[in-house]
Amino acid sequence: MSLPERHPYGTARSQFGELFLPSGGGPWPVAVVLHGGFWRAQYSRRLMRPVCEDLAARGWAAFNVEYRRLGRLSGGGFPRTLEDVAAAVDHLAELPAHRRVGTADQGGGDHPVRPTGGHEPVQPAHRRVATPGEAGGHGPVQPAAGGDDPLRPASGDEPVQPAHRRVGAPPGEAGGHEPVQPAIRNDDPARPAGGASRALDLSRVVAIGHSAGGHLAAWLATRERARVPVTAVVAQAGVVDLRLASELGLSRGVVNRFLGGAPATVPERCAAASPAERLPLGVPALLTHGGRDDIVPPVMSERLAAAARAAGDEVELVVAPDEGHFGHLDVANPLWRAVTEWIR
């Protein structure tokens, strides 16, 4: 795997993505990767580089998207952050040697991450990655404590053998990575895009996002008239219900700042931005969560899973009882293994 390529999708400083490509020839399915940090400018796409490297080692082209965020010089928030991630995904069609849905070289068959029309009722797939003797369910969720949610390294990960529905067939397995560190700077561009031979299979585009990035990944599935539609969604501890996140006061009420007001005062913005209010998603979805997550509580994923299934979506929910908020970013963690098994 070579250095990632930097691809601007706009003219603003934060409107670019890093494209991690597998070794060898394509066509490769695409993972659009979206970092978290409660949409704040002090967190960047660097958080997701280890998982992007792992995806590339498994045969996926990983597009690590930066976007405008909340901050004095960043210019993000509603609707600009949403516009940015939509533009980033659509920019994939501008890259050379991509392969689009319905072209002559596309094989037949019904791949789970291709766009689907309509849904058949599905059985709930809520799996708890549990320790022996553990009872299911969660207690009442309390509003998140104050502080700026510093990125803490995951600890105490127990090996778990998850059993998942599989969504593709990229080859190979990757090794471990060093622990993820918080990213403050945003001024280290990847290698400029070159003319390397590559092929992106745009009939298989999975949006993968952590925390606030999980919100953006799920939102991408619901947008209309997309030039490049996402065909599956992975939300890792996703802030997928903005109204609930506001009620819980997550990260000192950051949702109200993102929307430009509380959901009750700007209901039209909340309806436009919150995946929970835009169901059905219309594509298969995996929701992963740590049972000990005190930054984005598991009820966020649990409620969306129930509502999305009721709306006809195919949703798998994985809750690892002993994990917190940041195990998703560790490629050796069972929460990330759940993702790689699901998209396989």
Protein backbone atom coordinates (compact mmCIF):
# COMPACT_ATOMS: atom_id res chain seq x y z
CA MET A 1 0.00 0.00 0.00
CA SER A 2 1.40 3.39 -1.03
CA LEU A 3 0.97 6.74 0.69
CA PRO A 4 -2.59 8.06 0.57
CA GLU A 5 -3.51 10.48 -2.19
CA ARG A 6 -4.99 13.86 -1.35
CA HIS A 7 -8.10 14.75 -3.36
CA PRO A 8 -9.77 18.15 -2.88
CA TYR A 9 -13.51 18.17 -3.42
CA GLY A 10 -13.88 21.93 -2.82
CA THR A 11 -11.84 25.08 -2.34
CA ALA A 12 -12.03 25.46 1.45
CA ARG A 13 -9.07 24.34 3.53
CA SER A 14 -10.94 21.37 5.02
CA GLN A 15 -12.63 20.20 1.83
CA PHE A 16 -10.46 17.25 0.87
CA GLY A 17 -10.08 13.55 1.43
CA GLU A 18 -7.23 11.08 1.67
CA LEU A 19 -7.54 8.06 -0.61
CA PHE A 20 -5.90 4.89 0.69
CA LEU A 21 -5.55 2.32 -2.09
CA PRO A 22 -4.86 -1.41 -1.83
CA SER A 23 -1.88 -2.96 -3.53
CA GLY A 24 -2.39 -4.49 -6.94
CA GLY A 25 -5.21 -3.83 -9.35
CA GLY A 26 -8.90 -3.13 -8.81
CA PRO A 27 -11.72 -2.72 -9.05
CA TRP A 28 -11.98 -2.13 -5.32
CA PRO A 29 -15.08 -1.45 -3.25
CA VAL A 30 -14.97 1.92 -1.51
CA ALA A 31 -15.24 2.77 2.18
CA VAL A 32 -16.02 6.43 2.84
CA VAL A 33 -14.54 7.01 6.30
CA LEU A 34 -15.75 9.85 8.54
CA HIS A 35 -14.06 10.87 11.77
CA GLY A 36 -15.78 12.02 14.94
CA GLY A 37 -15.04 14.63 17.59
CA PHE A 38 -18.56 16.09 17.95
CA TRP A 39 -18.06 18.06 14.72
CA ARG A 40 -15.38 20.20 16.43
CA ALA A 41 -12.40 21.54 14.51
CA GLN A 42 -9.77 20.28 16.96
CA TYR A 43 -10.42 16.72 15.78
CA SER A 44 -9.48 15.63 12.29
CA ARG A 45 -9.32 12.75 9.82
CA ARG A 46 -6.05 11.62 11.45
CA LEU A 47 -8.19 9.71 13.95
CA MET A 48 -9.28 7.31 11.22
CA ARG A 49 -5.95 6.64 9.51
CA PRO A 50 -5.33 3.31 11.28
CA VAL A 51 -8.70 1.92 10.19
CA CYS A 52 -8.15 3.27 6.66
CA GLU A 53 -4.84 1.43 6.48
CA ASP A 54 -6.53 -1.72 7.72
CA LEU A 55 -9.32 -1.39 5.15
CA ALA A 56 -6.79 -0.95 2.34
CA ALA A 57 -4.94 -4.06 3.51
CA ARG A 58 -8.26 -5.92 3.24
CA GLY A 59 -8.84 -4.85 -0.35
CA TRP A 60 -10.96 -1.71 0.16
CA ALA A 61 -10.22 1.75 -1.20
CA ALA A 62 -10.66 3.98 1.86
CA PHE A 63 -11.58 7.65 1.34
CA ASN A 64 -10.79 9.43 4.60
CA VAL A 65 -12.90 12.58 4.46
CA GLU A 66 -12.12 15.90 6.08
CA TYR A 67 -14.93 18.44 6.33
CA ARG A 68 -15.72 21.86 7.75
CA ARG A 69 -16.32 21.67 11.48
CA LEU A 70 -17.33 23.86 14.40
CA GLY A 71 -14.64 26.43 15.10
CA ARG A 72 -13.85 30.09 14.62
CA LEU A 73 -12.00 29.54 11.33
CA SER A 74 -13.56 26.29 10.15
CA GLY A 75 -17.03 27.40 9.09
CA GLY A 76 -18.82 24.13 9.78
CA GLY A 77 -22.15 23.26 11.33
CA PHE A 78 -25.56 22.93 9.71
CA PRO A 79 -25.83 22.78 6.72
CA ARG A 80 -22.23 23.18 5.60
CA THR A 81 -20.85 20.05 7.26
CA LEU A 82 -23.57 17.97 5.62
CA GLU A 83 -22.97 19.61 2.27
CA ASP A 84 -19.26 18.83 2.56
CA VAL A 85 -19.61 15.10 3.20
CA ALA A 86 -22.17 14.84 0.39
CA ALA A 87 -19.79 16.62 -2.00
CA ALA A 88 -16.92 14.39 -0.90
CA VAL A 89 -18.82 11.21 -1.74
CA ASP A 90 -20.01 12.57 -5.07
CA HIS A 91 -16.42 13.55 -5.88
CA LEU A 92 -15.58 9.85 -6.13
CA ALA A 93 -17.20 9.92 -9.57
CA GLU A 94 -14.55 12.44 -10.66
CA LEU A 95 -11.62 10.15 -9.89
CA PRO A 96 -10.13 8.29 -12.86
CA ALA A 97 -10.78 4.65 -13.61
CA HIS A 98 -13.83 4.26 -11.40
CA ARG A 99 -16.50 1.71 -12.25
CA ARG A 100 -20.13 2.75 -11.93
CA VAL A 101 -23.31 0.79 -11.36
CA GLY A 102 -24.68 -0.67 -14.60
CA THR A 103 -21.53 -0.47 -16.74
CA ALA A 104 -20.69 -3.24 -19.13
CA ASP A 105 -17.89 -4.70 -17.01
CA GLN A 106 -20.03 -5.15 -13.92
CA GLY A 107 -20.94 -8.72 -13.13
CA GLY A 108 -24.38 -9.92 -12.20
CA GLY A 109 -25.60 -11.05 -8.83
CA ASP A 110 -27.27 -9.33 -5.92
CA HIS A 111 -24.60 -7.91 -3.64
CA PRO A 112 -25.84 -6.78 -0.22
CA VAL A 113 -24.23 -3.33 -0.48
CA ARG A 114 -25.76 -2.46 -3.83
CA PRO A 115 -28.72 -0.08 -3.85
CA THR A 116 -31.97 -1.88 -3.14
CA GLY A 117 -35.51 -0.97 -3.98
CA GLY A 118 -37.89 -1.59 -1.11
CA HIS A 119 -37.35 -3.79 1.91
CA GLU A 120 -38.62 -7.09 3.11
CA PRO A 121 -39.36 -7.34 6.82
CA VAL A 122 -36.26 -8.55 8.63
CA GLN A 123 -35.68 -10.17 11.97
CA PRO A 124 -33.86 -8.08 14.57
CA ALA A 125 -30.13 -8.80 14.70
CA HIS A 126 -29.29 -7.22 18.07
CA ARG A 127 -26.22 -9.07 19.27
CA ARG A 128 -24.50 -8.38 22.54
CA VAL A 129 -20.80 -9.26 22.57
CA ALA A 130 -21.11 -10.58 26.08
CA THR A 131 -19.01 -12.08 28.84
CA PRO A 132 -20.20 -15.35 30.44
CA GLY A 133 -23.16 -14.94 32.75
CA GLU A 134 -23.96 -11.39 31.72
CA ALA A 135 -27.56 -10.28 31.54
CA GLY A 136 -28.76 -8.24 28.56
CA GLY A 137 -30.12 -4.75 28.52
CA HIS A 138 -28.96 -1.37 29.75
CA GLY A 139 -29.91 0.74 32.71
CA PRO A 140 -31.24 4.28 32.45
CA VAL A 141 -28.94 6.59 30.54
CA GLN A 142 -27.69 9.69 32.29
CA PRO A 143 -26.65 12.83 30.47
CA ALA A 144 -22.98 12.81 29.60
CA ALA A 145 -20.65 14.49 32.04
CA GLY A 146 -18.95 17.75 31.15
CA GLY A 147 -15.55 18.21 29.63
CA ASP A 148 -14.50 18.26 26.04
CA ASP A 149 -14.51 14.51 25.60
CA PRO A 150 -10.73 14.04 25.29
CA LEU A 151 -9.82 11.06 23.16
CA ARG A 152 -8.92 8.30 25.55
CA PRO A 153 -7.14 5.12 24.47
CA ALA A 154 -9.15 1.94 24.75
CA SER A 155 -8.17 -0.48 27.47
CA GLY A 156 -9.17 -3.86 28.79
CA ASP A 157 -10.29 -5.29 25.46
CA GLU A 158 -11.33 -8.92 25.72
CA PRO A 159 -10.99 -11.04 22.58
CA VAL A 160 -14.39 -11.92 21.19
CA GLN A 161 -15.36 -14.06 18.22
CA PRO A 162 -18.24 -12.19 16.59
CA ALA A 163 -20.66 -13.83 14.17
CA HIS A 164 -21.89 -11.48 11.50
CA ARG A 165 -23.73 -11.22 8.24
CA ARG A 166 -21.11 -10.64 5.58
CA VAL A 167 -21.32 -7.93 2.93
CA GLY A 168 -18.49 -8.40 0.42
CA ALA A 169 -15.28 -10.21 -0.40
CA PRO A 170 -12.07 -8.14 -0.12
CA PRO A 171 -8.97 -10.32 0.37
CA GLY A 172 -6.42 -10.52 3.12
CA GLU A 173 -6.04 -9.66 6.76
CA ALA A 174 -4.07 -6.83 8.31
CA GLY A 175 -1.81 -6.63 11.32
CA GLY A 176 -2.11 -4.37 14.32
CA HIS A 177 -1.50 -0.66 14.59
CA GLU A 178 -0.20 1.69 17.23
CA PRO A 179 -2.78 3.29 19.54
CA VAL A 180 -4.65 6.21 18.02
CA GLN A 181 -3.68 9.65 19.31
CA PRO A 182 -5.79 12.80 19.22
CA ALA A 183 -5.32 14.94 16.13
CA ILE A 184 -5.04 18.70 16.51
CA ARG A 185 -3.25 19.87 13.39
CA ASN A 186 -4.80 19.80 9.97
CA ASP A 187 -1.87 20.90 7.84
CA ASP A 188 -0.14 17.70 6.78
CA PRO A 189 -1.50 17.00 3.30
CA ALA A 190 -1.20 13.51 1.95
CA ARG A 191 0.60 12.86 -1.33
CA PRO A 192 -1.04 14.84 -4.13
CA ALA A 193 -3.18 12.76 -6.45
CA GLY A 194 -1.22 11.23 -9.26
CA GLY A 195 -2.06 9.22 -12.35
CA ALA A 196 -1.72 5.78 -10.78
CA SER A 197 -3.79 3.09 -12.40
CA ARG A 198 -6.76 2.25 -10.19
CA ALA A 199 -10.40 1.30 -10.38
CA LEU A 200 -13.04 2.18 -7.83
CA ASP A 201 -16.19 0.08 -7.81
CA LEU A 202 -18.86 2.70 -7.12
CA SER A 203 -21.55 0.06 -6.99
CA ARG A 204 -20.17 -0.81 -3.52
CA VAL A 205 -19.73 2.30 -1.37
CA VAL A 206 -19.95 1.81 2.38
CA ALA A 207 -20.00 4.85 4.67
CA ILE A 208 -18.17 4.16 7.96
CA GLY A 209 -18.19 6.79 10.69
CA HIS A 210 -17.29 7.05 14.36
CA SER A 211 -19.27 9.15 16.87
CA ALA A 212 -20.24 12.37 15.04
CA GLY A 213 -18.87 10.67 11.94
CA GLY A 214 -21.43 7.92 12.52
CA HIS A 215 -24.11 10.60 12.34
CA LEU A 216 -22.70 11.76 9.01
CA ALA A 217 -22.43 8.20 7.66
CA ALA A 218 -26.06 7.43 8.47
CA TRP A 219 -27.20 10.80 7.10
CA LEU A 220 -25.47 10.09 3.79
CA ALA A 221 -27.72 7.09 3.25
CA THR A 222 -30.81 9.29 3.47
CA ARG A 223 -29.88 12.07 1.06
CA GLU A 224 -31.81 12.33 -2.18
CA ARG A 225 -30.52 12.52 -5.76
CA ALA A 226 -27.00 11.47 -4.80
CA ARG A 227 -24.57 11.23 -7.68
CA VAL A 228 -22.74 8.47 -5.80
CA PRO A 229 -25.15 6.77 -3.39
CA VAL A 230 -23.84 4.87 -0.40
CA THR A 231 -24.93 1.25 -0.43
CA ALA A 232 -24.37 0.35 3.22
CA VAL A 233 -23.72 2.20 6.49
CA VAL A 234 -21.60 1.50 9.56
CA ALA A 235 -22.18 3.82 12.53
CA GLN A 236 -19.66 3.29 15.33
CA ALA A 237 -21.09 4.81 18.51
CA GLY A 238 -22.91 7.12 16.14
CA VAL A 239 -24.69 10.28 17.26
CA VAL A 240 -27.58 9.15 15.07
CA ASP A 241 -30.43 10.85 16.94
CA LEU A 242 -29.77 14.57 17.28
CA ARG A 243 -32.91 15.24 19.30
CA LEU A 244 -31.98 12.58 21.85
CA ALA A 245 -28.37 13.78 21.92
CA SER A 246 -29.59 17.29 22.70
CA GLU A 247 -31.88 16.01 25.46
CA LEU A 248 -28.96 14.12 27.02
CA GLY A 249 -26.73 17.20 26.82
CA LEU A 250 -23.95 15.30 25.07
CA SER A 251 -20.62 17.15 25.07
CA ARG A 252 -22.02 20.25 26.75
CA GLY A 253 -24.91 20.65 24.35
CA VAL A 254 -22.85 20.55 21.16
CA VAL A 255 -25.82 19.39 19.08
CA ASN A 256 -27.52 22.75 19.65
CA ARG A 257 -24.38 24.48 18.43
CA PHE A 258 -24.19 22.22 15.37
CA LEU A 259 -27.82 22.91 14.44
CA GLY A 260 -27.74 26.59 15.39
CA GLY A 261 -30.39 26.09 18.05
CA ALA A 262 -32.14 23.42 20.10
CA PRO A 263 -34.18 20.88 18.10
CA ALA A 264 -37.37 22.33 19.60
CA THR A 265 -36.52 25.79 18.26
CA VAL A 266 -35.16 24.70 14.86
CA PRO A 267 -37.24 21.58 14.18
CA GLU A 268 -36.83 21.84 10.42
CA ARG A 269 -33.03 21.68 10.77
CA CYS A 270 -33.23 18.71 13.09
CA ALA A 271 -35.56 16.93 10.67
CA ALA A 272 -33.13 17.59 7.82
CA ALA A 273 -29.99 16.56 9.72
CA SER A 274 -30.94 13.75 12.13
CA PRO A 275 -30.90 10.20 10.70
CA ALA A 276 -33.47 9.15 13.31
CA GLU A 277 -35.95 11.56 11.70
CA ARG A 278 -35.14 10.56 8.12
CA LEU A 279 -35.92 6.84 8.21
CA PRO A 280 -35.86 4.49 6.45
CA LEU A 281 -32.14 4.53 5.74
CA GLY A 282 -32.82 2.44 2.66
CA VAL A 283 -29.57 0.45 2.83
CA PRO A 284 -28.19 -2.28 5.14
CA ALA A 285 -26.73 -0.86 8.34
CA LEU A 286 -24.41 -2.01 11.11
CA LEU A 287 -24.52 -0.14 14.42
CA THR A 288 -21.69 -0.89 16.85
CA HIS A 289 -21.47 0.39 20.41
CA GLY A 290 -19.53 -0.14 23.61
CA GLY A 291 -21.70 -0.96 26.58
CA ARG A 292 -19.56 1.29 28.81
CA ASP A 293 -19.60 4.25 26.47
CA ASP A 294 -20.22 7.30 28.67
CA ILE A 295 -19.67 9.80 25.84
CA VAL A 296 -22.33 8.55 23.41
CA PRO A 297 -24.52 6.12 25.37
CA PRO A 298 -25.61 2.81 23.79
CA VAL A 299 -29.27 3.83 23.86
CA MET A 300 -28.44 5.99 20.83
CA SER A 301 -27.79 2.94 18.66
CA GLU A 302 -30.43 0.78 20.32
CA ARG A 303 -33.23 3.23 19.61
CA LEU A 304 -32.20 3.80 16.02
CA ALA A 305 -31.95 0.06 15.39
CA ALA A 306 -35.50 -0.47 16.66
CA ALA A 307 -36.92 2.47 14.71
CA ALA A 308 -35.08 1.60 11.49
CA ARG A 309 -36.27 -2.00 11.61
CA ALA A 310 -39.80 -0.81 12.16
CA ALA A 311 -39.39 1.35 9.04
CA GLY A 312 -38.27 -1.71 7.03
CA ASP A 313 -34.49 -1.38 7.21
CA GLU A 314 -32.07 -4.27 7.57
CA VAL A 315 -30.04 -3.43 10.68
CA GLU A 316 -27.54 -5.33 12.79
CA LEU A 317 -26.73 -4.00 16.25
CA VAL A 318 -23.55 -5.08 18.03
CA VAL A 319 -23.04 -4.02 21.65
CA ALA A 320 -19.77 -5.01 23.35
CA PRO A 321 -20.57 -4.72 27.07
CA ASP A 322 -17.01 -4.12 28.30
CA GLU A 323 -16.00 -1.54 25.68
CA GLY A 324 -16.10 2.24 25.80
CA HIS A 325 -16.11 4.95 23.15
CA PHE A 326 -12.69 4.58 21.56
CA GLY A 327 -12.23 0.85 21.00
CA HIS A 328 -13.82 1.36 17.58
CA LEU A 329 -10.60 3.04 16.41
CA ASP A 330 -8.31 0.17 17.47
CA VAL A 331 -7.99 -2.36 14.65
CA ALA A 332 -7.31 -5.14 17.17
CA ASN A 333 -10.51 -4.40 19.11
CA PRO A 334 -13.62 -6.61 18.78
CA LEU A 335 -15.68 -3.56 17.85
CA TRP A 336 -13.56 -2.99 14.74
CA ARG A 337 -13.46 -6.72 14.00
CA ALA A 338 -17.25 -6.64 13.96
CA VAL A 339 -17.04 -4.06 11.15
CA THR A 340 -14.51 -5.95 9.05
CA GLU A 341 -16.50 -9.17 9.35
CA TRP A 342 -19.73 -7.43 8.39
CA ILE A 343 -18.35 -5.78 5.24
CA ARG A 344 -16.45 -8.89 4.12
